[in-house]
PDB file of N, CA and C in Angstrom:
ATOM      1  N   MET A   1    -210.925  43.936-174.671  1.00  0.00           N
ATOM      2  CA  MET A   1    -211.896  42.912-174.332  1.00  0.00           C
ATOM      3  C   MET A   1    -211.297  41.542-174.626  1.00  0.00           C
ATOM      4  N   ASN A   2    -211.324  40.659-173.647  1.00  0.00           N
ATOM      5  CA  ASN A   2    -210.787  39.309-173.810  1.00  0.00           C
ATOM      6  C   ASN A   2    -211.861  38.395-174.369  1.00  0.00           C
ATOM      7  N   MET A   3    -211.425  37.519-175.302  1.00  0.00           N
ATOM      8  CA  MET A   3    -212.357  36.557-175.863  1.00  0.00           C
ATOM      9  C   MET A   3    -212.363  35.291-175.032  1.00  0.00           C
ATOM     10  N   THR A   4    -213.551  34.772-174.810  1.00  0.00           N
ATOM     11  CA  THR A   4    -213.670  33.504-174.116  1.00  0.00           C
ATOM     12  C   THR A   4    -213.382  32.375-175.099  1.00  0.00           C
ATOM     13  N   THR A   5    -213.189  31.180-174.590  1.00  0.00           N
ATOM     14  CA  THR A   5    -212.883  30.040-175.445  1.00  0.00           C
ATOM     15  C   THR A   5    -213.949  29.801-176.517  1.00  0.00           C
ATOM     16  N   PRO A   6    -215.262  29.829-176.193  1.00  0.00           N
ATOM     17  CA  PRO A   6    -216.258  29.640-177.250  1.00  0.00           C
ATOM     18  C   PRO A   6    -216.175  30.716-178.332  1.00  0.00           C
ATOM     19  N   GLU A   7    -215.887  31.968-177.935  1.00  0.00           N
ATOM     20  CA  GLU A   7    -215.757  33.034-178.927  1.00  0.00           C
ATOM     21  C   GLU A   7    -214.562  32.782-179.831  1.00  0.00           C
ATOM     22  N   LYS A   8    -213.451  32.343-179.258  1.00  0.00           N
ATOM     23  CA  LYS A   8    -212.271  32.021-180.058  1.00  0.00           C
ATOM     24  C   LYS A   8    -212.581  30.882-181.002  1.00  0.00           C
ATOM     25  N   SER A   9    -213.309  29.891-180.513  1.00  0.00           N
ATOM     26  CA  SER A   9    -213.671  28.737-181.324  1.00  0.00           C
ATOM     27  C   SER A   9    -214.546  29.163-182.497  1.00  0.00           C
ATOM     28  N   LYS A  10    -215.516  30.048-182.241  1.00  0.00           N
ATOM     29  CA  LYS A  10    -216.389  30.527-183.308  1.00  0.00           C
ATOM     30  C   LYS A  10    -215.605  31.310-184.344  1.00  0.00           C
ATOM     31  N   LYS A  11    -214.659  32.135-183.880  1.00  0.00           N
ATOM     32  CA  LYS A  11    -213.829  32.905-184.799  1.00  0.00           C
ATOM     33  C   LYS A  11    -213.004  31.950-185.647  1.00  0.00           C
ATOM     34  N   SER A  12    -212.451  30.930-185.010  1.00  0.00           N
ATOM     35  CA  SER A  12    -211.651  29.940-185.712  1.00  0.00           C
ATOM     36  C   SER A  12    -212.497  29.187-186.729  1.00  0.00           C
ATOM     37  N   ASP A  13    -213.734  28.818-186.337  1.00  0.00           N
ATOM     38  CA  ASP A  13    -214.626  28.103-187.249  1.00  0.00           C
ATOM     39  C   ASP A  13    -214.935  28.944-188.483  1.00  0.00           C
ATOM     40  N   LEU A  14    -215.186  30.225-188.280  1.00  0.00           N
ATOM     41  CA  LEU A  14    -215.472  31.119-189.399  1.00  0.00           C
ATOM     42  C   LEU A  14    -214.263  31.209-190.316  1.00  0.00           C
ATOM     43  N   LYS A  15    -213.116  31.395-189.734  1.00  0.00           N
ATOM     44  CA  LYS A  15    -211.876  31.503-190.500  1.00  0.00           C
ATOM     45  C   LYS A  15    -211.596  30.200-191.262  1.00  0.00           C
ATOM     46  N   THR A  16    -211.778  29.073-190.587  1.00  0.00           N
ATOM     47  CA  THR A  16    -211.542  27.769-191.197  1.00  0.00           C
ATOM     48  C   THR A  16    -212.520  27.524-192.346  1.00  0.00           C
ATOM     49  N   GLY A  17    -213.774  27.880-192.134  1.00  0.00           N
ATOM     50  CA  GLY A  17    -214.785  27.707-193.182  1.00  0.00           C
ATOM     51  C   GLY A  17    -214.468  28.524-194.422  1.00  0.00           C
ATOM     52  N   LEU A  18    -214.085  29.780-194.210  1.00  0.00           N
ATOM     53  CA  LEU A  18    -213.741  30.636-195.348  1.00  0.00           C
ATOM     54  C   LEU A  18    -212.502  30.116-196.080  1.00  0.00           C
ATOM     55  N   ALA A  19    -211.540  29.614-195.326  1.00  0.00           N
ATOM     56  CA  ALA A  19    -210.341  29.042-195.950  1.00  0.00           C
ATOM     57  C   ALA A  19    -210.706  27.804-196.769  1.00  0.00           C
ATOM     58  N   ARG A  20    -211.609  26.985-196.236  1.00  0.00           N
ATOM     59  CA  ARG A  20    -212.020  25.774-196.961  1.00  0.00           C
ATOM     60  C   ARG A  20    -212.775  26.147-198.233  1.00  0.00           C
ATOM     61  N   LEU A  21    -213.608  27.174-198.182  1.00  0.00           N
ATOM     62  CA  LEU A  21    -214.300  27.626-199.395  1.00  0.00           C
ATOM     63  C   LEU A  21    -213.301  28.079-200.456  1.00  0.00           C
ATOM     64  N   THR A  22    -212.247  28.735-200.027  1.00  0.00           N
ATOM     65  CA  THR A  22    -211.196  29.152-200.954  1.00  0.00           C
ATOM     66  C   THR A  22    -210.530  27.935-201.592  1.00  0.00           C
ATOM     67  N   GLU A  23    -210.253  26.920-200.782  1.00  0.00           N
ATOM     68  CA  GLU A  23    -209.656  25.690-201.309  1.00  0.00           C
ATOM     69  C   GLU A  23    -210.570  25.024-202.340  1.00  0.00           C
ATOM     70  N   ILE A  24    -211.843  24.974-202.050  1.00  0.00           N
ATOM     71  CA  ILE A  24    -212.796  24.354-202.975  1.00  0.00           C
ATOM     72  C   ILE A  24    -212.847  25.143-204.280  1.00  0.00           C
ATOM     73  N   ALA A  25    -212.890  26.469-204.187  1.00  0.00           N
ATOM     74  CA  ALA A  25    -212.905  27.299-205.396  1.00  0.00           C
ATOM     75  C   ALA A  25    -211.649  27.063-206.223  1.00  0.00           C
ATOM     76  N   ARG A  26    -210.508  26.964-205.558  1.00  0.00           N
ATOM     77  CA  ARG A  26    -209.256  26.699-206.274  1.00  0.00           C
ATOM     78  C   ARG A  26    -209.284  25.324-206.939  1.00  0.00           C
ATOM     79  N   TRP A  27    -209.880  24.354-206.252  1.00  0.00           N
ATOM     80  CA  TRP A  27    -209.986  23.001-206.810  1.00  0.00           C
ATOM     81  C   TRP A  27    -210.696  23.061-208.156  1.00  0.00           C
ATOM     82  N   PHE A  28    -211.803  23.809-208.217  1.00  0.00           N
ATOM     83  CA  PHE A  28    -212.526  23.943-209.483  1.00  0.00           C
ATOM     84  C   PHE A  28    -211.714  24.736-210.506  1.00  0.00           C
ATOM     85  N   ASP A  29    -211.052  25.796-210.062  1.00  0.00           N
ATOM     86  CA  ASP A  29    -210.258  26.629-210.967  1.00  0.00           C
ATOM     87  C   ASP A  29    -209.103  25.866-211.592  1.00  0.00           C
ATOM     88  N   ASP A  30    -208.543  24.920-210.861  1.00  0.00           N
ATOM     89  CA  ASP A  30    -207.367  24.186-211.320  1.00  0.00           C
ATOM     90  C   ASP A  30    -207.694  23.044-212.274  1.00  0.00           C
ATOM     91  N   ARG A  31    -208.942  22.799-212.549  1.00  0.00           N
ATOM     92  CA  ARG A  31    -209.334  21.674-213.390  1.00  0.00           C
ATOM     93  C   ARG A  31    -210.091  22.129-214.620  1.00  0.00           C
ATOM     94  N   GLU A  32    -209.684  21.582-215.746  1.00  0.00           N
ATOM     95  CA  GLU A  32    -210.444  21.835-216.958  1.00  0.00           C
ATOM     96  C   GLU A  32    -211.601  20.842-217.054  1.00  0.00           C
ATOM     97  N   ASP A  33    -211.333  19.600-216.686  1.00  0.00           N
ATOM     98  CA  ASP A  33    -212.351  18.550-216.695  1.00  0.00           C
ATOM     99  C   ASP A  33    -212.426  17.918-215.313  1.00  0.00           C
ATOM    100  N   ALA A  34    -213.241  18.480-214.457  1.00  0.00           N
ATOM    101  CA  ALA A  34    -213.397  17.926-213.111  1.00  0.00           C
ATOM    102  C   ALA A  34    -214.357  16.745-213.169  1.00  0.00           C
ATOM    103  N   ASP A  35    -214.061  15.733-212.378  1.00  0.00           N
ATOM    104  CA  ASP A  35    -214.960  14.590-212.257  1.00  0.00           C
ATOM    105  C   ASP A  35    -216.282  15.070-211.663  1.00  0.00           C
ATOM    106  N   ILE A  36    -217.376  14.693-212.299  1.00  0.00           N
ATOM    107  CA  ILE A  36    -218.689  15.189-211.882  1.00  0.00           C
ATOM    108  C   ILE A  36    -219.033  14.757-210.462  1.00  0.00           C
ATOM    109  N   GLU A  37    -218.679  13.547-210.083  1.00  0.00           N
ATOM    110  CA  GLU A  37    -218.973  13.068-208.725  1.00  0.00           C
ATOM    111  C   GLU A  37    -218.143  13.826-207.689  1.00  0.00           C
ATOM    112  N   ASP A  38    -216.862  14.022-207.983  1.00  0.00           N
ATOM    113  CA  ASP A  38    -216.013  14.798-207.066  1.00  0.00           C
ATOM    114  C   ASP A  38    -216.517  16.238-206.966  1.00  0.00           C
ATOM    115  N   GLY A  39    -216.885  16.792-208.113  1.00  0.00           N
ATOM    116  CA  GLY A  39    -217.392  18.160-208.138  1.00  0.00           C
ATOM    117  C   GLY A  39    -218.671  18.310-207.323  1.00  0.00           C
ATOM    118  N   LEU A  40    -219.552  17.321-207.431  1.00  0.00           N
ATOM    119  CA  LEU A  40    -220.803  17.351-206.672  1.00  0.00           C
ATOM    120  C   LEU A  40    -220.531  17.322-205.174  1.00  0.00           C
ATOM    121  N   GLN A  41    -219.595  16.495-204.752  1.00  0.00           N
ATOM    122  CA  GLN A  41    -219.239  16.436-203.331  1.00  0.00           C
ATOM    123  C   GLN A  41    -218.681  17.774-202.851  1.00  0.00           C
ATOM    124  N   LYS A  42    -217.854  18.408-203.685  1.00  0.00           N
ATOM    125  CA  LYS A  42    -217.283  19.710-203.323  1.00  0.00           C
ATOM    126  C   LYS A  42    -218.389  20.763-203.206  1.00  0.00           C
ATOM    127  N   VAL A  43    -219.349  20.724-204.131  1.00  0.00           N
ATOM    128  CA  VAL A  43    -220.450  21.690-204.094  1.00  0.00           C
ATOM    129  C   VAL A  43    -221.294  21.477-202.842  1.00  0.00           C
ATOM    130  N   LYS A  44    -221.573  20.227-202.493  1.00  0.00           N
ATOM    131  CA  LYS A  44    -222.339  19.940-201.279  1.00  0.00           C
ATOM    132  C   LYS A  44    -221.599  20.436-200.034  1.00  0.00           C
ATOM    133  N   GLU A  45    -220.302  20.194-199.999  1.00  0.00           N
ATOM    134  CA  GLU A  45    -219.503  20.659-198.866  1.00  0.00           C
ATOM    135  C   GLU A  45    -219.529  22.182-198.788  1.00  0.00           C
ATOM    136  N   ALA A  46    -219.353  22.837-199.936  1.00  0.00           N
ATOM    137  CA  ALA A  46    -219.360  24.302-199.972  1.00  0.00           C
ATOM    138  C   ALA A  46    -220.708  24.853-199.520  1.00  0.00           C
ATOM    139  N   ALA A  47    -221.794  24.226-199.950  1.00  0.00           N
ATOM    140  CA  ALA A  47    -223.130  24.690-199.556  1.00  0.00           C
ATOM    141  C   ALA A  47    -223.309  24.603-198.046  1.00  0.00           C
ATOM    142  N   SER A  48    -222.822  23.541-197.453  1.00  0.00           N
ATOM    143  CA  SER A  48    -222.907  23.380-196.005  1.00  0.00           C
ATOM    144  C   SER A  48    -222.084  24.448-195.284  1.00  0.00           C
ATOM    145  N   ILE A  49    -220.882  24.689-195.767  1.00  0.00           N
ATOM    146  CA  ILE A  49    -220.020  25.706-195.169  1.00  0.00           C
ATOM    147  C   ILE A  49    -220.650  27.088-195.315  1.00  0.00           C
ATOM    148  N   ILE A  50    -221.230  27.371-196.464  1.00  0.00           N
ATOM    149  CA  ILE A  50    -221.872  28.665-196.699  1.00  0.00           C
ATOM    150  C   ILE A  50    -223.032  28.871-195.735  1.00  0.00           C
ATOM    151  N   ALA A  51    -223.838  27.837-195.534  1.00  0.00           N
ATOM    152  CA  ALA A  51    -224.971  27.945-194.603  1.00  0.00           C
ATOM    153  C   ALA A  51    -224.478  28.234-193.189  1.00  0.00           C
ATOM    154  N   GLU A  52    -223.446  27.532-192.745  1.00  0.00           N
ATOM    155  CA  GLU A  52    -222.899  27.758-191.409  1.00  0.00           C
ATOM    156  C   GLU A  52    -222.271  29.146-191.292  1.00  0.00           C
ATOM    157  N   THR A  53    -221.592  29.567-192.346  1.00  0.00           N
ATOM    158  CA  THR A  53    -220.948  30.880-192.349  1.00  0.00           C
ATOM    159  C   THR A  53    -221.986  31.992-192.288  1.00  0.00           C
ATOM    160  N   LYS A  54    -223.070  31.847-193.048  1.00  0.00           N
ATOM    161  CA  LYS A  54    -224.139  32.848-193.013  1.00  0.00           C
ATOM    162  C   LYS A  54    -224.738  32.949-191.616  1.00  0.00           C
ATOM    163  N   LYS A  55    -224.923  31.805-190.974  1.00  0.00           N
ATOM    164  CA  LYS A  55    -225.461  31.797-189.615  1.00  0.00           C
ATOM    165  C   LYS A  55    -224.509  32.521-188.662  1.00  0.00           C
ATOM    166  N   ARG A  56    -223.235  32.230-188.773  1.00  0.00           N
ATOM    167  CA  ARG A  56    -222.242  32.861-187.899  1.00  0.00           C
ATOM    168  C   ARG A  56    -222.182  34.370-188.147  1.00  0.00           C
ATOM    169  N   LEU A  57    -222.218  34.766-189.412  1.00  0.00           N
ATOM    170  CA  LEU A  57    -222.180  36.196-189.730  1.00  0.00           C
ATOM    171  C   LEU A  57    -223.418  36.912-189.183  1.00  0.00           C
ATOM    172  N   LYS A  58    -224.559  36.244-189.199  1.00  0.00           N
ATOM    173  CA  LYS A  58    -225.772  36.826-188.619  1.00  0.00           C
ATOM    174  C   LYS A  58    -225.602  36.990-187.110  1.00  0.00           C
ATOM    175  N   ASP A  59    -224.993  35.992-186.461  1.00  0.00           N
ATOM    176  CA  ASP A  59    -224.708  36.096-185.028  1.00  0.00           C
ATOM    177  C   ASP A  59    -223.795  37.282-184.741  1.00  0.00           C
ATOM    178  N   ILE A  60    -222.790  37.462-185.571  1.00  0.00           N
ATOM    179  CA  ILE A  60    -221.855  38.577-185.409  1.00  0.00           C
ATOM    180  C   ILE A  60    -222.589  39.908-185.587  1.00  0.00           C
ATOM    181  N   GLU A  61    -223.455  39.972-186.592  1.00  0.00           N
ATOM    182  CA  GLU A  61    -224.234  41.181-186.816  1.00  0.00           C
ATOM    183  C   GLU A  61    -225.092  41.498-185.586  1.00  0.00           C
ATOM    184  N   ASN A  62    -225.719  40.472-185.017  1.00  0.00           N
ATOM    185  CA  ASN A  62    -226.537  40.671-183.817  1.00  0.00           C
ATOM    186  C   ASN A  62    -225.693  41.176-182.648  1.00  0.00           C
ATOM    187  N   ASP A  63    -224.489  40.634-182.511  1.00  0.00           N
ATOM    188  CA  ASP A  63    -223.586  41.100-181.459  1.00  0.00           C
ATOM    189  C   ASP A  63    -223.265  42.580-181.635  1.00  0.00           C
ATOM    190  N   PHE A  64    -222.996  42.987-182.872  1.00  0.00           N
ATOM    191  CA  PHE A  64    -222.699  44.394-183.130  1.00  0.00           C
ATOM    192  C   PHE A  64    -223.908  45.276-182.819  1.00  0.00           C
ATOM    193  N   GLU A  65    -225.095  44.810-183.149  1.00  0.00           N
ATOM    194  CA  GLU A  65    -226.301  45.574-182.854  1.00  0.00           C
ATOM    195  C   GLU A  65    -226.485  45.751-181.351  1.00  0.00           C
ATOM    196  N   GLU A  66    -226.201  44.699-180.591  1.00  0.00           N
ATOM    197  CA  GLU A  66    -226.287  44.788-179.123  1.00  0.00           C
ATOM    198  C   GLU A  66    -225.286  45.798-178.580  1.00  0.00           C
ATOM    199  N   ILE A  67    -224.085  45.761-179.089  1.00  0.00           N
ATOM    200  CA  ILE A  67    -223.057  46.718-178.660  1.00  0.00           C
ATOM    201  C   ILE A  67    -223.480  48.136-179.001  1.00  0.00           C
ATOM    202  N   LYS A  68    -224.025  48.293-180.199  1.00  0.00           N
ATOM    203  CA  LYS A  68    -224.482  49.605-180.640  1.00  0.00           C
ATOM    204  C   LYS A  68    -225.575  50.135-179.700  1.00  0.00           C
ATOM    205  N   LYS A  69    -226.512  49.265-179.323  1.00  0.00           N
ATOM    206  CA  LYS A  69    -227.569  49.661-178.393  1.00  0.00           C
ATOM    207  C   LYS A  69    -226.996  50.088-177.048  1.00  0.00           C
ATOM    208  N   ASP A  70    -226.008  49.331-176.570  1.00  0.00           N
ATOM    209  CA  ASP A  70    -225.375  49.643-175.287  1.00  0.00           C
ATOM    210  C   ASP A  70    -224.682  51.012-175.333  1.00  0.00           C
ATOM    211  N   ILE A  71    -224.083  51.324-176.435  1.00  0.00           N
ATOM    212  CA  ILE A  71    -223.355  52.589-176.574  1.00  0.00           C
ATOM    213  C   ILE A  71    -224.319  53.773-176.665  1.00  0.00           C
ATOM    214  N   GLU A  72    -225.459  53.569-177.330  1.00  0.00           N
ATOM    215  CA  GLU A  72    -226.405  54.661-177.557  1.00  0.00           C
ATOM    216  C   GLU A  72    -227.215  55.026-176.327  1.00  0.00           C
ATOM    217  N   ILE A  73    -227.211  54.215-175.314  1.00  0.00           N
ATOM    218  CA  ILE A  73    -228.016  54.492-174.120  1.00  0.00           C
ATOM    219  C   ILE A  73    -227.411  55.587-173.301  1.00  0.00           C
TER     220      ILE A  73
END
């Protein structure tokens, strides 16, 4: 099955978001005394990425359910 450009873009967005979350986690891990303002910005960014990632994962789950329905018919 070939992926269309929007599907590739969504896959890339998911991958990029997860990579960015890893970077943010490492940022916190690498600091004993993180600046509270910088830390707050990182947490806000992570929360936004998590919300988008959850939405994308739900879309993926729905796609799998549709495929499953198609196969069971």
